[in-house]
Amino acid sequence: MAEWDDLASFMLLAKLTLDSRATEPTRIMCEERILRDARRLAAIGFFELFAVRPTPLRTMLEGEGVIDRR
């Protein structure tokens, strides 16, 4: 299932983005890739995982207009 491969890659990027040990260029690259892939992943329900509580990633995606605020 390509969707699950995409989801696993996306989650790894999110983890790298939020990792305090990640370098700034790594964070920027991850954020750019997350924003590029977010709309496609939203179609498979990935963002329902954030429904319980806000996360830094969800806040970033809402700020960019990729997902709607609830």
Protein backbone atom coordinates (compact mmCIF):
# COMPACT_ATOMS: atom_id res chain seq x y z
CA MET A 1 0.00 0.00 0.00
CA ALA A 2 1.60 3.19 -1.20
CA GLU A 3 -0.48 5.25 1.24
CA TRP A 4 1.12 3.53 4.24
CA ASP A 5 4.60 4.06 2.82
CA ASP A 6 3.76 7.73 2.37
CA LEU A 7 2.39 7.91 5.90
CA ALA A 8 5.50 6.31 7.39
CA SER A 9 7.76 8.71 5.48
CA PHE A 10 5.62 11.65 6.56
CA MET A 11 5.76 10.63 10.21
CA LEU A 12 9.54 10.30 10.03
CA LEU A 13 9.77 13.79 8.53
CA ALA A 14 7.53 15.14 11.30
CA LYS A 15 9.73 13.50 13.93
CA LEU A 16 12.88 14.97 12.37
CA THR A 17 11.27 18.40 12.17
CA LEU A 18 10.39 18.39 15.86
CA ASP A 19 13.67 16.80 17.02
CA SER A 20 15.63 19.37 19.03
CA ARG A 21 18.89 17.86 17.78
CA ALA A 22 18.02 18.38 14.11
CA THR A 23 20.00 21.06 12.31
CA GLU A 24 18.20 24.08 10.89
CA PRO A 25 18.72 22.98 7.24
CA THR A 26 17.24 19.57 8.12
CA ARG A 27 14.20 21.18 9.75
CA ILE A 28 13.64 23.47 6.77
CA MET A 29 13.91 20.58 4.30
CA CYS A 30 11.48 18.50 6.36
CA GLU A 31 8.97 21.34 6.70
CA GLU A 32 9.05 21.99 2.95
CA ARG A 33 8.46 18.33 2.19
CA ILE A 34 5.68 18.11 4.80
CA LEU A 35 3.87 21.09 3.30
CA ARG A 36 4.26 19.67 -0.21
CA ASP A 37 2.87 16.25 0.74
CA ALA A 38 0.27 17.30 3.31
CA ARG A 39 -2.70 17.73 1.00
CA ARG A 40 -2.24 14.29 -0.52
CA LEU A 41 -1.87 12.68 2.89
CA ALA A 42 -4.94 14.48 4.19
CA ALA A 43 -6.94 12.47 1.68
CA ILE A 44 -6.04 9.26 3.53
CA GLY A 45 -7.11 10.68 6.89
CA PHE A 46 -3.65 11.23 8.38
CA PHE A 47 -4.64 14.46 10.10
CA GLU A 48 -7.37 12.74 12.10
CA LEU A 49 -4.48 11.59 14.29
CA PHE A 50 -4.14 15.18 15.48
CA ALA A 51 -7.81 15.56 16.44
CA VAL A 52 -7.36 14.91 20.16
CA ARG A 53 -4.91 17.69 20.96
CA PRO A 54 -2.92 20.33 19.09
CA THR A 55 0.63 19.46 18.11
CA PRO A 56 3.40 21.70 16.76
CA LEU A 57 3.04 20.03 13.36
CA ARG A 58 -0.71 20.56 13.25
CA THR A 59 -0.25 24.20 14.29
CA MET A 60 2.30 24.72 11.50
CA LEU A 61 0.01 23.14 8.89
CA GLU A 62 -2.98 25.18 10.05
CA GLY A 63 -0.89 28.34 9.86
CA GLU A 64 0.06 27.53 6.27
CA GLY A 65 -3.59 26.90 5.39
CA VAL A 66 -2.94 23.26 4.52
CA ILE A 67 -5.54 21.99 6.98
CA ASP A 68 -8.53 23.78 8.47
CA ARG A 69 -8.74 24.76 12.11
CA ARG A 70 -11.48 22.89 13.93
